[in-house]
Amino acid sequence: MPAAGKGELKLKDWAFAIATRSTMRKAQIALARRLAIIMHAMLHDGTEFQPA
């Protein structure tokens, strides 16, 4: 289900795909790691968050 007019959430879909192959716990950890990598890259190159 899309969140409040934001369109599809690709990271959420990606995490749920992992959950179907494995466990929800592993999907949560993978999602947290992916978000940390994205945030680190944004801090490193000075990119600002742009909400959709």
PDB file of N, CA and C in Angstrom:
ATOM      1  N   MET A   1       0.844  -1.179   0.000  1.00  0.00           N
ATOM      2  CA  MET A   1       0.000   0.000   0.000  1.00  0.00           C
ATOM      3  C   MET A   1       0.888   1.242   0.000  1.00  0.00           C
ATOM      4  N   PRO A   2       0.687   2.176  -0.906  1.00  0.00           N
ATOM      5  CA  PRO A   2       1.481   3.399  -0.942  1.00  0.00           C
ATOM      6  C   PRO A   2       1.239   4.267   0.281  1.00  0.00           C
ATOM      7  N   ALA A   3       2.254   4.983   0.697  1.00  0.00           N
ATOM      8  CA  ALA A   3       2.165   5.818   1.895  1.00  0.00           C
ATOM      9  C   ALA A   3       1.746   7.234   1.516  1.00  0.00           C
ATOM     10  N   ALA A   4       0.570   7.636   1.898  1.00  0.00           N
ATOM     11  CA  ALA A   4       0.064   9.011   1.811  1.00  0.00           C
ATOM     12  C   ALA A   4       0.459   9.751   0.532  1.00  0.00           C
ATOM     13  N   GLY A   5       0.201   9.157  -0.613  1.00  0.00           N
ATOM     14  CA  GLY A   5       0.447   9.836  -1.866  1.00  0.00           C
ATOM     15  C   GLY A   5       1.907   9.925  -2.274  1.00  0.00           C
ATOM     16  N   LYS A   6       2.769   9.137  -1.674  1.00  0.00           N
ATOM     17  CA  LYS A   6       4.196   9.206  -1.973  1.00  0.00           C
ATOM     18  C   LYS A   6       4.593   8.250  -3.095  1.00  0.00           C
ATOM     19  N   GLY A   7       3.660   7.476  -3.620  1.00  0.00           N
ATOM     20  CA  GLY A   7       4.015   6.506  -4.647  1.00  0.00           C
ATOM     21  C   GLY A   7       4.559   5.245  -4.009  1.00  0.00           C
ATOM     22  N   GLU A   8       5.131   4.386  -4.826  1.00  0.00           N
ATOM     23  CA  GLU A   8       5.657   3.145  -4.267  1.00  0.00           C
ATOM     24  C   GLU A   8       6.969   3.392  -3.534  1.00  0.00           C
ATOM     25  N   LEU A   9       7.203   2.617  -2.519  1.00  0.00           N
ATOM     26  CA  LEU A   9       8.407   2.753  -1.706  1.00  0.00           C
ATOM     27  C   LEU A   9       9.346   1.602  -2.063  1.00  0.00           C
ATOM     28  N   LYS A  10      10.335   1.879  -2.876  1.00  0.00           N
ATOM     29  CA  LYS A  10      11.200   0.828  -3.405  1.00  0.00           C
ATOM     30  C   LYS A  10      11.994   0.120  -2.316  1.00  0.00           C
ATOM     31  N   LEU A  11      12.477   0.868  -1.321  1.00  0.00           N
ATOM     32  CA  LEU A  11      13.227   0.227  -0.242  1.00  0.00           C
ATOM     33  C   LEU A  11      12.344  -0.702   0.583  1.00  0.00           C
ATOM     34  N   LYS A  12      11.107  -0.284   0.805  1.00  0.00           N
ATOM     35  CA  LYS A  12      10.182  -1.123   1.566  1.00  0.00           C
ATOM     36  C   LYS A  12       9.879  -2.407   0.794  1.00  0.00           C
ATOM     37  N   ASP A  13       9.629  -2.273  -0.498  1.00  0.00           N
ATOM     38  CA  ASP A  13       9.382  -3.451  -1.329  1.00  0.00           C
ATOM     39  C   ASP A  13      10.588  -4.379  -1.346  1.00  0.00           C
ATOM     40  N   TRP A  14      11.784  -3.798  -1.403  1.00  0.00           N
ATOM     41  CA  TRP A  14      13.020  -4.567  -1.395  1.00  0.00           C
ATOM     42  C   TRP A  14      13.149  -5.353  -0.089  1.00  0.00           C
ATOM     43  N   ALA A  15      12.845  -4.694   1.039  1.00  0.00           N
ATOM     44  CA  ALA A  15      12.940  -5.345   2.346  1.00  0.00           C
ATOM     45  C   ALA A  15      11.905  -6.463   2.475  1.00  0.00           C
ATOM     46  N   PHE A  16      10.697  -6.244   1.983  1.00  0.00           N
ATOM     47  CA  PHE A  16       9.682  -7.291   2.061  1.00  0.00           C
ATOM     48  C   PHE A  16      10.037  -8.479   1.177  1.00  0.00           C
ATOM     49  N   ALA A  17      10.739  -8.240   0.084  1.00  0.00           N
ATOM     50  CA  ALA A  17      11.203  -9.349  -0.753  1.00  0.00           C
ATOM     51  C   ALA A  17      12.216 -10.198   0.015  1.00  0.00           C
ATOM     52  N   ILE A  18      13.086  -9.545   0.778  1.00  0.00           N
ATOM     53  CA  ILE A  18      14.033 -10.283   1.610  1.00  0.00           C
ATOM     54  C   ILE A  18      13.285 -11.069   2.678  1.00  0.00           C
ATOM     55  N   ALA A  19      12.267 -10.451   3.262  1.00  0.00           N
ATOM     56  CA  ALA A  19      11.494 -11.112   4.316  1.00  0.00           C
ATOM     57  C   ALA A  19      10.801 -12.365   3.805  1.00  0.00           C
ATOM     58  N   THR A  20      10.355 -12.353   2.568  1.00  0.00           N
ATOM     59  CA  THR A  20       9.693 -13.545   2.028  1.00  0.00           C
ATOM     60  C   THR A  20      10.701 -14.663   1.769  1.00  0.00           C
ATOM     61  N   ARG A  21      11.949 -14.296   1.441  1.00  0.00           N
ATOM     62  CA  ARG A  21      12.981 -15.300   1.214  1.00  0.00           C
ATOM     63  C   ARG A  21      13.606 -15.789   2.519  1.00  0.00           C
ATOM     64  N   SER A  22      13.619 -14.921   3.533  1.00  0.00           N
ATOM     65  CA  SER A  22      14.315 -15.218   4.777  1.00  0.00           C
ATOM     66  C   SER A  22      13.372 -14.927   5.946  1.00  0.00           C
ATOM     67  N   THR A  23      13.823 -14.115   6.891  1.00  0.00           N
ATOM     68  CA  THR A  23      12.975 -13.747   8.026  1.00  0.00           C
ATOM     69  C   THR A  23      12.803 -12.226   8.076  1.00  0.00           C
ATOM     70  N   MET A  24      11.774 -11.790   8.791  1.00  0.00           N
ATOM     71  CA  MET A  24      11.522 -10.357   8.935  1.00  0.00           C
ATOM     72  C   MET A  24      12.677  -9.683   9.675  1.00  0.00           C
ATOM     73  N   ARG A  25      13.255 -10.377  10.644  1.00  0.00           N
ATOM     74  CA  ARG A  25      14.390  -9.822  11.404  1.00  0.00           C
ATOM     75  C   ARG A  25      15.565  -9.519  10.471  1.00  0.00           C
ATOM     76  N   LYS A  26      15.902 -10.446   9.590  1.00  0.00           N
ATOM     77  CA  LYS A  26      17.006 -10.224   8.654  1.00  0.00           C
ATOM     78  C   LYS A  26      16.675  -9.103   7.680  1.00  0.00           C
ATOM     79  N   ALA A  27      15.410  -8.988   7.296  1.00  0.00           N
ATOM     80  CA  ALA A  27      14.996  -7.911   6.394  1.00  0.00           C
ATOM     81  C   ALA A  27      15.131  -6.559   7.081  1.00  0.00           C
ATOM     82  N   GLN A  28      14.784  -6.489   8.370  1.00  0.00           N
ATOM     83  CA  GLN A  28      14.915  -5.240   9.111  1.00  0.00           C
ATOM     84  C   GLN A  28      16.378  -4.818   9.225  1.00  0.00           C
ATOM     85  N   ILE A  29      17.242  -5.783   9.491  1.00  0.00           N
ATOM     86  CA  ILE A  29      18.662  -5.486   9.606  1.00  0.00           C
ATOM     87  C   ILE A  29      19.220  -5.035   8.260  1.00  0.00           C
ATOM     88  N   ALA A  30      18.816  -5.702   7.187  1.00  0.00           N
ATOM     89  CA  ALA A  30      19.283  -5.324   5.850  1.00  0.00           C
ATOM     90  C   ALA A  30      18.810  -3.921   5.479  1.00  0.00           C
ATOM     91  N   LEU A  31      17.569  -3.602   5.825  1.00  0.00           N
ATOM     92  CA  LEU A  31      17.035  -2.276   5.532  1.00  0.00           C
ATOM     93  C   LEU A  31      17.767  -1.203   6.329  1.00  0.00           C
ATOM     94  N   ALA A  32      18.027  -1.467   7.607  1.00  0.00           N
ATOM     95  CA  ALA A  32      18.765  -0.506   8.437  1.00  0.00           C
ATOM     96  C   ALA A  32      20.159  -0.270   7.870  1.00  0.00           C
ATOM     97  N   ARG A  33      20.807  -1.337   7.434  1.00  0.00           N
ATOM     98  CA  ARG A  33      22.144  -1.209   6.851  1.00  0.00           C
ATOM     99  C   ARG A  33      22.095  -0.392   5.557  1.00  0.00           C
ATOM    100  N   ARG A  34      21.108  -0.676   4.711  1.00  0.00           N
ATOM    101  CA  ARG A  34      20.977   0.057   3.439  1.00  0.00           C
ATOM    102  C   ARG A  34      20.741   1.547   3.698  1.00  0.00           C
ATOM    103  N   LEU A  35      19.875   1.879   4.677  1.00  0.00           N
ATOM    104  CA  LEU A  35      19.616   3.280   5.009  1.00  0.00           C
ATOM    105  C   LEU A  35      20.861   3.958   5.573  1.00  0.00           C
ATOM    106  N   ALA A  36      21.634   3.231   6.387  1.00  0.00           N
ATOM    107  CA  ALA A  36      22.866   3.794   6.940  1.00  0.00           C
ATOM    108  C   ALA A  36      23.865   4.099   5.830  1.00  0.00           C
ATOM    109  N   ILE A  37      23.957   3.224   4.846  1.00  0.00           N
ATOM    110  CA  ILE A  37      24.862   3.443   3.713  1.00  0.00           C
ATOM    111  C   ILE A  37      24.436   4.678   2.917  1.00  0.00           C
ATOM    112  N   ILE A  38      23.137   4.812   2.688  1.00  0.00           N
ATOM    113  CA  ILE A  38      22.615   5.970   1.954  1.00  0.00           C
ATOM    114  C   ILE A  38      22.897   7.259   2.726  1.00  0.00           C
ATOM    115  N   MET A  39      22.620   7.238   4.028  1.00  0.00           N
ATOM    116  CA  MET A  39      22.836   8.433   4.843  1.00  0.00           C
ATOM    117  C   MET A  39      24.323   8.800   4.906  1.00  0.00           C
ATOM    118  N   HIS A  40      25.188   7.807   5.005  1.00  0.00           N
ATOM    119  CA  HIS A  40      26.626   8.085   5.035  1.00  0.00           C
ATOM    120  C   HIS A  40      27.080   8.724   3.725  1.00  0.00           C
ATOM    121  N   ALA A  41      26.586   8.210   2.611  1.00  0.00           N
ATOM    122  CA  ALA A  41      26.944   8.771   1.309  1.00  0.00           C
ATOM    123  C   ALA A  41      26.447  10.216   1.187  1.00  0.00           C
ATOM    124  N   MET A  42      25.254  10.484   1.717  1.00  0.00           N
ATOM    125  CA  MET A  42      24.712  11.844   1.673  1.00  0.00           C
ATOM    126  C   MET A  42      25.566  12.798   2.513  1.00  0.00           C
ATOM    127  N   LEU A  43      26.011  12.343   3.684  1.00  0.00           N
ATOM    128  CA  LEU A  43      26.869  13.175   4.522  1.00  0.00           C
ATOM    129  C   LEU A  43      28.222  13.403   3.865  1.00  0.00           C
ATOM    130  N   HIS A  44      28.722  12.383   3.224  1.00  0.00           N
ATOM    131  CA  HIS A  44      30.051  12.460   2.609  1.00  0.00           C
ATOM    132  C   HIS A  44      30.098  13.472   1.466  1.00  0.00           C
ATOM    133  N   ASP A  45      29.078  13.467   0.609  1.00  0.00           N
ATOM    134  CA  ASP A  45      29.123  14.384  -0.544  1.00  0.00           C
ATOM    135  C   ASP A  45      28.255  15.634  -0.368  1.00  0.00           C
ATOM    136  N   GLY A  46      27.628  15.806   0.795  1.00  0.00           N
ATOM    137  CA  GLY A  46      26.887  17.025   1.083  1.00  0.00           C
ATOM    138  C   GLY A  46      25.508  17.109   0.445  1.00  0.00           C
ATOM    139  N   THR A  47      24.987  15.999  -0.021  1.00  0.00           N
ATOM    140  CA  THR A  47      23.657  15.972  -0.633  1.00  0.00           C
ATOM    141  C   THR A  47      22.600  16.220   0.443  1.00  0.00           C
ATOM    142  N   GLU A  48      21.609  17.052   0.124  1.00  0.00           N
ATOM    143  CA  GLU A  48      20.513  17.283   1.055  1.00  0.00           C
ATOM    144  C   GLU A  48      19.347  16.371   0.726  1.00  0.00           C
ATOM    145  N   PHE A  49      18.581  16.021   1.770  1.00  0.00           N
ATOM    146  CA  PHE A  49      17.404  15.181   1.589  1.00  0.00           C
ATOM    147  C   PHE A  49      16.348  15.942   0.812  1.00  0.00           C
ATOM    148  N   GLN A  50      15.781  15.302  -0.197  1.00  0.00           N
ATOM    149  CA  GLN A  50      14.713  15.903  -0.991  1.00  0.00           C
ATOM    150  C   GLN A  50      13.490  14.984  -0.938  1.00  0.00           C
ATOM    151  N   PRO A  51      12.486  15.349  -0.113  1.00  0.00           N
ATOM    152  CA  PRO A  51      11.302  14.508  -0.034  1.00  0.00           C
ATOM    153  C   PRO A  51      10.600  14.405  -1.374  1.00  0.00           C
ATOM    154  N   ALA A  52      10.026  13.263  -1.621  1.00  0.00           N
ATOM    155  CA  ALA A  52       9.366  13.009  -2.913  1.00  0.00           C
ATOM    156  C   ALA A  52       8.102  13.805  -3.071  1.00  0.00           C
TER     157      ALA A  52
END
